[in-house]
């Protein structure tokens, strides 16, 4: 499976500045993933934006996925 990072430009620059200011200067990288509510057909629009090094963003997403997989596994084993 090919791994791909898609950088989506967010139209609202003020929103991005607010996010950056909230996170602070010590943050080397962040990933913001959002989705719309599902349509009647069950489809959702997913968007991702990241700031910082692309390899670090990929590392963050992969490790976050592992955290969720572990939590789901623990919940299902109970």
PDB file of N, CA and C in Angstrom:
ATOM      1  N   UNK A   1       0.843  -1.171   0.000  1.00  0.00           N
ATOM      2  CA  UNK A   1       0.000   0.000   0.000  1.00  0.00           C
ATOM      3  C   UNK A   1       0.893   1.241   0.000  1.00  0.00           C
ATOM      4  N   UNK A   2       0.620   2.185  -0.883  1.00  0.00           N
ATOM      5  CA  UNK A   2       1.363   3.430  -0.932  1.00  0.00           C
ATOM      6  C   UNK A   2       0.914   4.319   0.212  1.00  0.00           C
ATOM      7  N   UNK A   3       1.881   4.948   0.867  1.00  0.00           N
ATOM      8  CA  UNK A   3       1.571   5.911   1.911  1.00  0.00           C
ATOM      9  C   UNK A   3       1.688   7.290   1.302  1.00  0.00           C
ATOM     10  N   UNK A   4       0.713   8.118   1.574  1.00  0.00           N
ATOM     11  CA  UNK A   4       0.692   9.432   0.972  1.00  0.00           C
ATOM     12  C   UNK A   4       0.259  10.456   2.005  1.00  0.00           C
ATOM     13  N   UNK A   5       0.916  11.583   2.015  1.00  0.00           N
ATOM     14  CA  UNK A   5       0.494  12.702   2.843  1.00  0.00           C
ATOM     15  C   UNK A   5      -0.042  13.766   1.911  1.00  0.00           C
ATOM     16  N   UNK A   6      -1.221  14.236   2.203  1.00  0.00           N
ATOM     17  CA  UNK A   6      -1.846  15.262   1.391  1.00  0.00           C
ATOM     18  C   UNK A   6      -1.880  16.542   2.216  1.00  0.00           C
ATOM     19  N   UNK A   7      -1.274  17.573   1.710  1.00  0.00           N
ATOM     20  CA  UNK A   7      -1.308  18.856   2.406  1.00  0.00           C
ATOM     21  C   UNK A   7      -2.417  19.696   1.802  1.00  0.00           C
ATOM     22  N   UNK A   8      -3.391  20.020   2.608  1.00  0.00           N
ATOM     23  CA  UNK A   8      -4.539  20.794   2.148  1.00  0.00           C
ATOM     24  C   UNK A   8      -4.395  22.212   2.675  1.00  0.00           C
ATOM     25  N   UNK A   9      -4.486  23.150   1.797  1.00  0.00           N
ATOM     26  CA  UNK A   9      -4.425  24.550   2.209  1.00  0.00           C
ATOM     27  C   UNK A   9      -5.751  24.944   2.839  1.00  0.00           C
ATOM     28  N   UNK A  10      -5.676  25.477   4.025  1.00  0.00           N
ATOM     29  CA  UNK A  10      -6.879  25.930   4.713  1.00  0.00           C
ATOM     30  C   UNK A  10      -7.126  27.383   4.334  1.00  0.00           C
ATOM     31  N   UNK A  11      -8.346  27.671   3.889  1.00  0.00           N
ATOM     32  CA  UNK A  11      -8.669  28.999   3.402  1.00  0.00           C
ATOM     33  C   UNK A  11      -8.619  30.062   4.491  1.00  0.00           C
ATOM     34  N   UNK A  12      -8.922  29.687   5.705  1.00  0.00           N
ATOM     35  CA  UNK A  12      -9.020  30.652   6.782  1.00  0.00           C
ATOM     36  C   UNK A  12      -7.666  30.816   7.469  1.00  0.00           C
ATOM     37  N   UNK A  13      -6.878  31.794   7.014  1.00  0.00           N
ATOM     38  CA  UNK A  13      -5.554  32.034   7.582  1.00  0.00           C
ATOM     39  C   UNK A  13      -5.640  32.412   9.060  1.00  0.00           C
ATOM     40  N   UNK A  14      -6.685  33.141   9.434  1.00  0.00           N
ATOM     41  CA  UNK A  14      -6.848  33.535  10.831  1.00  0.00           C
ATOM     42  C   UNK A  14      -7.004  32.312  11.726  1.00  0.00           C
ATOM     43  N   UNK A  15      -7.741  31.305  11.248  1.00  0.00           N
ATOM     44  CA  UNK A  15      -7.918  30.072  12.009  1.00  0.00           C
ATOM     45  C   UNK A  15      -6.577  29.365  12.203  1.00  0.00           C
ATOM     46  N   UNK A  16      -5.795  29.275  11.131  1.00  0.00           N
ATOM     47  CA  UNK A  16      -4.492  28.613  11.235  1.00  0.00           C
ATOM     48  C   UNK A  16      -3.571  29.372  12.190  1.00  0.00           C
ATOM     49  N   UNK A  17      -3.597  30.672  12.164  1.00  0.00           N
ATOM     50  CA  UNK A  17      -2.765  31.455  13.089  1.00  0.00           C
ATOM     51  C   UNK A  17      -3.199  31.211  14.534  1.00  0.00           C
ATOM     52  N   UNK A  18      -4.500  31.116  14.766  1.00  0.00           N
ATOM     53  CA  UNK A  18      -5.010  30.851  16.113  1.00  0.00           C
ATOM     54  C   UNK A  18      -4.548  29.474  16.590  1.00  0.00           C
ATOM     55  N   UNK A  19      -4.593  28.478  15.703  1.00  0.00           N
ATOM     56  CA  UNK A  19      -4.130  27.136  16.063  1.00  0.00           C
ATOM     57  C   UNK A  19      -2.642  27.162  16.390  1.00  0.00           C
ATOM     58  N   UNK A  20      -1.857  27.805  15.544  1.00  0.00           N
ATOM     59  CA  UNK A  20      -0.407  27.885  15.769  1.00  0.00           C
ATOM     60  C   UNK A  20      -0.093  28.598  17.076  1.00  0.00           C
ATOM     61  N   UNK A  21      -0.798  29.688  17.359  1.00  0.00           N
ATOM     62  CA  UNK A  21      -0.568  30.423  18.604  1.00  0.00           C
ATOM     63  C   UNK A  21      -0.948  29.598  19.822  1.00  0.00           C
ATOM     64  N   UNK A  22      -2.014  28.818  19.705  1.00  0.00           N
ATOM     65  CA  UNK A  22      -2.446  27.965  20.816  1.00  0.00           C
ATOM     66  C   UNK A  22      -1.436  26.856  21.083  1.00  0.00           C
ATOM     67  N   UNK A  23      -0.915  26.267  20.034  1.00  0.00           N
ATOM     68  CA  UNK A  23       0.059  25.186  20.180  1.00  0.00           C
ATOM     69  C   UNK A  23       1.366  25.706  20.758  1.00  0.00           C
ATOM     70  N   UNK A  24       1.804  26.853  20.299  1.00  0.00           N
ATOM     71  CA  UNK A  24       3.025  27.459  20.829  1.00  0.00           C
ATOM     72  C   UNK A  24       4.234  27.205  19.951  1.00  0.00           C
ATOM     73  N   UNK A  25       5.309  27.915  20.258  1.00  0.00           N
ATOM     74  CA  UNK A  25       6.529  27.860  19.458  1.00  0.00           C
ATOM     75  C   UNK A  25       7.332  26.587  19.646  1.00  0.00           C
ATOM     76  N   UNK A  26       7.119  25.847  20.709  1.00  0.00           N
ATOM     77  CA  UNK A  26       7.896  24.642  20.970  1.00  0.00           C
ATOM     78  C   UNK A  26       7.445  23.460  20.118  1.00  0.00           C
ATOM     79  N   UNK A  27       6.371  23.619  19.392  1.00  0.00           N
ATOM     80  CA  UNK A  27       5.823  22.534  18.574  1.00  0.00           C
ATOM     81  C   UNK A  27       6.572  22.469  17.243  1.00  0.00           C
ATOM     82  N   UNK A  28       7.218  21.337  16.997  1.00  0.00           N
ATOM     83  CA  UNK A  28       7.967  21.160  15.751  1.00  0.00           C
ATOM     84  C   UNK A  28       7.045  20.799  14.590  1.00  0.00           C
ATOM     85  N   UNK A  29       5.908  20.187  14.899  1.00  0.00           N
ATOM     86  CA  UNK A  29       5.026  19.707  13.843  1.00  0.00           C
ATOM     87  C   UNK A  29       3.649  19.438  14.432  1.00  0.00           C
ATOM     88  N   UNK A  30       2.608  19.647  13.621  1.00  0.00           N
ATOM     89  CA  UNK A  30       1.278  19.216  14.028  1.00  0.00           C
ATOM     90  C   UNK A  30       0.497  18.770  12.814  1.00  0.00           C
ATOM     91  N   UNK A  31      -0.510  17.922  13.080  1.00  0.00           N
ATOM     92  CA  UNK A  31      -1.385  17.403  12.032  1.00  0.00           C
ATOM     93  C   UNK A  31      -2.819  17.665  12.480  1.00  0.00           C
ATOM     94  N   UNK A  32      -3.595  18.251  11.605  1.00  0.00           N
ATOM     95  CA  UNK A  32      -5.009  18.520  11.873  1.00  0.00           C
ATOM     96  C   UNK A  32      -5.828  17.713  10.874  1.00  0.00           C
ATOM     97  N   UNK A  33      -6.657  16.808  11.380  1.00  0.00           N
ATOM     98  CA  UNK A  33      -7.502  15.974  10.528  1.00  0.00           C
ATOM     99  C   UNK A  33      -8.951  16.256  10.907  1.00  0.00           C
ATOM    100  N   UNK A  34      -9.760  16.587   9.904  1.00  0.00           N
ATOM    101  CA  UNK A  34     -11.169  16.882  10.153  1.00  0.00           C
ATOM    102  C   UNK A  34     -12.025  16.085   9.180  1.00  0.00           C
ATOM    103  N   UNK A  35     -13.288  15.913   9.550  1.00  0.00           N
ATOM    104  CA  UNK A  35     -14.223  15.259   8.625  1.00  0.00           C
ATOM    105  C   UNK A  35     -15.607  15.880   8.784  1.00  0.00           C
ATOM    106  N   UNK A  36     -16.359  15.799   7.706  1.00  0.00           N
ATOM    107  CA  UNK A  36     -17.730  16.285   7.724  1.00  0.00           C
ATOM    108  C   UNK A  36     -18.629  15.216   8.343  1.00  0.00           C
ATOM    109  N   UNK A  37     -19.828  15.607   8.646  1.00  0.00           N
ATOM    110  CA  UNK A  37     -20.822  14.619   9.087  1.00  0.00           C
ATOM    111  C   UNK A  37     -21.122  13.704   7.901  1.00  0.00           C
ATOM    112  N   UNK A  38     -21.457  12.442   8.162  1.00  0.00           N
ATOM    113  CA  UNK A  38     -21.738  11.534   7.048  1.00  0.00           C
ATOM    114  C   UNK A  38     -22.978  11.954   6.261  1.00  0.00           C
ATOM    115  N   UNK A  39     -22.906  11.753   4.959  1.00  0.00           N
ATOM    116  CA  UNK A  39     -24.064  12.015   4.098  1.00  0.00           C
ATOM    117  C   UNK A  39     -25.071  10.878   4.269  1.00  0.00           C
ATOM    118  N   UNK A  40     -26.180  10.981   3.598  1.00  0.00           N
ATOM    119  CA  UNK A  40     -27.194   9.928   3.649  1.00  0.00           C
ATOM    120  C   UNK A  40     -26.633   8.599   3.155  1.00  0.00           C
ATOM    121  N   UNK A  41     -25.633   8.669   2.266  1.00  0.00           N
ATOM    122  CA  UNK A  41     -24.993   7.452   1.745  1.00  0.00           C
ATOM    123  C   UNK A  41     -23.860   6.968   2.646  1.00  0.00           C
ATOM    124  N   UNK A  42     -23.604   7.691   3.729  1.00  0.00           N
ATOM    125  CA  UNK A  42     -22.555   7.289   4.651  1.00  0.00           C
ATOM    126  C   UNK A  42     -21.170   7.800   4.298  1.00  0.00           C
ATOM    127  N   UNK A  43     -21.078   8.695   3.326  1.00  0.00           N
ATOM    128  CA  UNK A  43     -19.775   9.231   2.914  1.00  0.00           C
ATOM    129  C   UNK A  43     -19.435  10.465   3.731  1.00  0.00           C
ATOM    130  N   UNK A  44     -18.145  10.617   4.028  1.00  0.00           N
ATOM    131  CA  UNK A  44     -17.658  11.779   4.750  1.00  0.00           C
ATOM    132  C   UNK A  44     -16.513  12.402   3.971  1.00  0.00           C
ATOM    133  N   UNK A  45     -16.405  13.709   4.042  1.00  0.00           N
ATOM    134  CA  UNK A  45     -15.288  14.414   3.438  1.00  0.00           C
ATOM    135  C   UNK A  45     -14.211  14.569   4.510  1.00  0.00           C
ATOM    136  N   UNK A  46     -13.048  14.019   4.250  1.00  0.00           N
ATOM    137  CA  UNK A  46     -11.942  14.067   5.199  1.00  0.00           C
ATOM    138  C   UNK A  46     -10.878  15.006   4.655  1.00  0.00           C
ATOM    139  N   UNK A  47     -10.395  15.897   5.519  1.00  0.00           N
ATOM    140  CA  UNK A  47      -9.333  16.823   5.140  1.00  0.00           C
ATOM    141  C   UNK A  47      -8.210  16.732   6.160  1.00  0.00           C
ATOM    142  N   UNK A  48      -6.989  16.954   5.682  1.00  0.00           N
ATOM    143  CA  UNK A  48      -5.838  16.938   6.569  1.00  0.00           C
ATOM    144  C   UNK A  48      -4.939  18.120   6.238  1.00  0.00           C
ATOM    145  N   UNK A  49      -4.433  18.738   7.266  1.00  0.00           N
ATOM    146  CA  UNK A  49      -3.464  19.821   7.117  1.00  0.00           C
ATOM    147  C   UNK A  49      -2.335  19.543   8.094  1.00  0.00           C
ATOM    148  N   UNK A  50      -1.122  19.794   7.678  1.00  0.00           N
ATOM    149  CA  UNK A  50      -0.019  19.665   8.611  1.00  0.00           C
ATOM    150  C   UNK A  50       0.931  20.829   8.438  1.00  0.00           C
ATOM    151  N   UNK A  51       1.626  21.138   9.517  1.00  0.00           N
ATOM    152  CA  UNK A  51       2.673  22.149   9.520  1.00  0.00           C
ATOM    153  C   UNK A  51       3.923  21.479  10.057  1.00  0.00           C
ATOM    154  N   UNK A  52       5.033  21.718   9.411  1.00  0.00           N
ATOM    155  CA  UNK A  52       6.296  21.135   9.845  1.00  0.00           C
ATOM    156  C   UNK A  52       6.803  20.135   8.818  1.00  0.00           C
ATOM    157  N   UNK A  53       7.761  19.364   9.244  1.00  0.00           N
ATOM    158  CA  UNK A  53       8.410  18.391   8.375  1.00  0.00           C
ATOM    159  C   UNK A  53       7.441  17.274   7.981  1.00  0.00           C
ATOM    160  N   UNK A  54       7.407  16.952   6.703  1.00  0.00           N
ATOM    161  CA  UNK A  54       6.490  15.935   6.192  1.00  0.00           C
ATOM    162  C   UNK A  54       6.770  14.559   6.789  1.00  0.00           C
ATOM    163  N   UNK A  55       8.035  14.205   6.971  1.00  0.00           N
ATOM    164  CA  UNK A  55       8.372  12.906   7.567  1.00  0.00           C
ATOM    165  C   UNK A  55       7.918  12.834   9.016  1.00  0.00           C
ATOM    166  N   UNK A  56       8.071  13.925   9.740  1.00  0.00           N
ATOM    167  CA  UNK A  56       7.623  13.962  11.131  1.00  0.00           C
ATOM    168  C   UNK A  56       6.098  13.889  11.205  1.00  0.00           C
ATOM    169  N   UNK A  57       5.410  14.563  10.288  1.00  0.00           N
ATOM    170  CA  UNK A  57       3.948  14.490  10.247  1.00  0.00           C
ATOM    171  C   UNK A  57       3.501  13.055   9.998  1.00  0.00           C
ATOM    172  N   UNK A  58       4.177  12.370   9.087  1.00  0.00           N
ATOM    173  CA  UNK A  58       3.858  10.969   8.802  1.00  0.00           C
ATOM    174  C   UNK A  58       4.077  10.107  10.044  1.00  0.00           C
ATOM    175  N   UNK A  59       5.169  10.343  10.744  1.00  0.00           N
ATOM    176  CA  UNK A  59       5.473   9.615  11.980  1.00  0.00           C
ATOM    177  C   UNK A  59       4.366   9.827  13.013  1.00  0.00           C
ATOM    178  N   UNK A  60       3.912  11.069  13.160  1.00  0.00           N
ATOM    179  CA  UNK A  60       2.848  11.365  14.126  1.00  0.00           C
ATOM    180  C   UNK A  60       1.564  10.628  13.791  1.00  0.00           C
ATOM    181  N   UNK A  61       1.185  10.638  12.515  1.00  0.00           N
ATOM    182  CA  UNK A  61      -0.059   9.983  12.094  1.00  0.00           C
ATOM    183  C   UNK A  61       0.038   8.470  12.285  1.00  0.00           C
ATOM    184  N   UNK A  62       1.160   7.881  11.894  1.00  0.00           N
ATOM    185  CA  UNK A  62       1.331   6.434  12.045  1.00  0.00           C
ATOM    186  C   UNK A  62       1.287   6.022  13.508  1.00  0.00           C
ATOM    187  N   UNK A  63       1.939   6.782  14.385  1.00  0.00           N
ATOM    188  CA  UNK A  63       1.928   6.439  15.798  1.00  0.00           C
ATOM    189  C   UNK A  63       0.573   6.684  16.437  1.00  0.00           C
ATOM    190  N   UNK A  64      -0.128   7.710  15.986  1.00  0.00           N
ATOM    191  CA  UNK A  64      -1.486   7.944  16.486  1.00  0.00           C
ATOM    192  C   UNK A  64      -2.400   6.786  16.092  1.00  0.00           C
ATOM    193  N   UNK A  65      -2.248   6.294  14.876  1.00  0.00           N
ATOM    194  CA  UNK A  65      -3.045   5.150  14.436  1.00  0.00           C
ATOM    195  C   UNK A  65      -2.785   3.940  15.318  1.00  0.00           C
ATOM    196  N   UNK A  66      -1.532   3.724  15.687  1.00  0.00           N
ATOM    197  CA  UNK A  66      -1.189   2.594  16.552  1.00  0.00           C
ATOM    198  C   UNK A  66      -1.826   2.738  17.935  1.00  0.00           C
ATOM    199  N   UNK A  67      -1.852   3.963  18.453  1.00  0.00           N
ATOM    200  CA  UNK A  67      -2.490   4.211  19.752  1.00  0.00           C
ATOM    201  C   UNK A  67      -3.970   3.848  19.681  1.00  0.00           C
ATOM    202  N   UNK A  68      -4.651   4.288  18.617  1.00  0.00           N
ATOM    203  CA  UNK A  68      -6.070   3.970  18.471  1.00  0.00           C
ATOM    204  C   UNK A  68      -6.288   2.473  18.284  1.00  0.00           C
ATOM    205  N   UNK A  69      -5.443   1.830  17.489  1.00  0.00           N
ATOM    206  CA  UNK A  69      -5.566   0.380  17.292  1.00  0.00           C
ATOM    207  C   UNK A  69      -5.408  -0.361  18.615  1.00  0.00           C
ATOM    208  N   UNK A  70      -4.445   0.060  19.429  1.00  0.00           N
ATOM    209  CA  UNK A  70      -4.232  -0.572  20.737  1.00  0.00           C
ATOM    210  C   UNK A  70      -5.431  -0.374  21.647  1.00  0.00           C
ATOM    211  N   UNK A  71      -5.972   0.834  21.677  1.00  0.00           N
ATOM    212  CA  UNK A  71      -7.122   1.114  22.540  1.00  0.00           C
ATOM    213  C   UNK A  71      -8.349   0.309  22.108  1.00  0.00           C
ATOM    214  N   UNK A  72      -8.566   0.216  20.806  1.00  0.00           N
ATOM    215  CA  UNK A  72      -9.694  -0.578  20.294  1.00  0.00           C
ATOM    216  C   UNK A  72      -9.497  -2.042  20.641  1.00  0.00           C
ATOM    217  N   UNK A  73      -8.280  -2.544  20.491  1.00  0.00           N
ATOM    218  CA  UNK A  73      -7.975  -3.928  20.837  1.00  0.00           C
ATOM    219  C   UNK A  73      -8.225  -4.217  22.303  1.00  0.00           C
ATOM    220  N   UNK A  74      -7.823  -3.286  23.174  1.00  0.00           N
ATOM    221  CA  UNK A  74      -8.063  -3.458  24.615  1.00  0.00           C
ATOM    222  C   UNK A  74      -9.548  -3.469  24.927  1.00  0.00           C
ATOM    223  N   UNK A  75     -10.280  -2.558  24.296  1.00  0.00           N
ATOM    224  CA  UNK A  75     -11.721  -2.469  24.547  1.00  0.00           C
ATOM    225  C   UNK A  75     -12.432  -3.734  24.069  1.00  0.00           C
ATOM    226  N   UNK A  76     -12.024  -4.255  22.915  1.00  0.00           N
ATOM    227  CA  UNK A  76     -12.669  -5.453  22.380  1.00  0.00           C
ATOM    228  C   UNK A  76     -12.336  -6.708  23.170  1.00  0.00           C
ATOM    229  N   UNK A  77     -11.199  -6.716  23.858  1.00  0.00           N
ATOM    230  CA  UNK A  77     -10.799  -7.895  24.614  1.00  0.00           C
ATOM    231  C   UNK A  77     -11.468  -7.941  25.999  1.00  0.00           C
ATOM    232  N   UNK A  78     -12.149  -6.885  26.372  1.00  0.00           N
ATOM    233  CA  UNK A  78     -12.796  -6.845  27.694  1.00  0.00           C
ATOM    234  C   UNK A  78     -14.154  -7.489  27.665  1.00  0.00           C
TER     235      UNK A  78
END
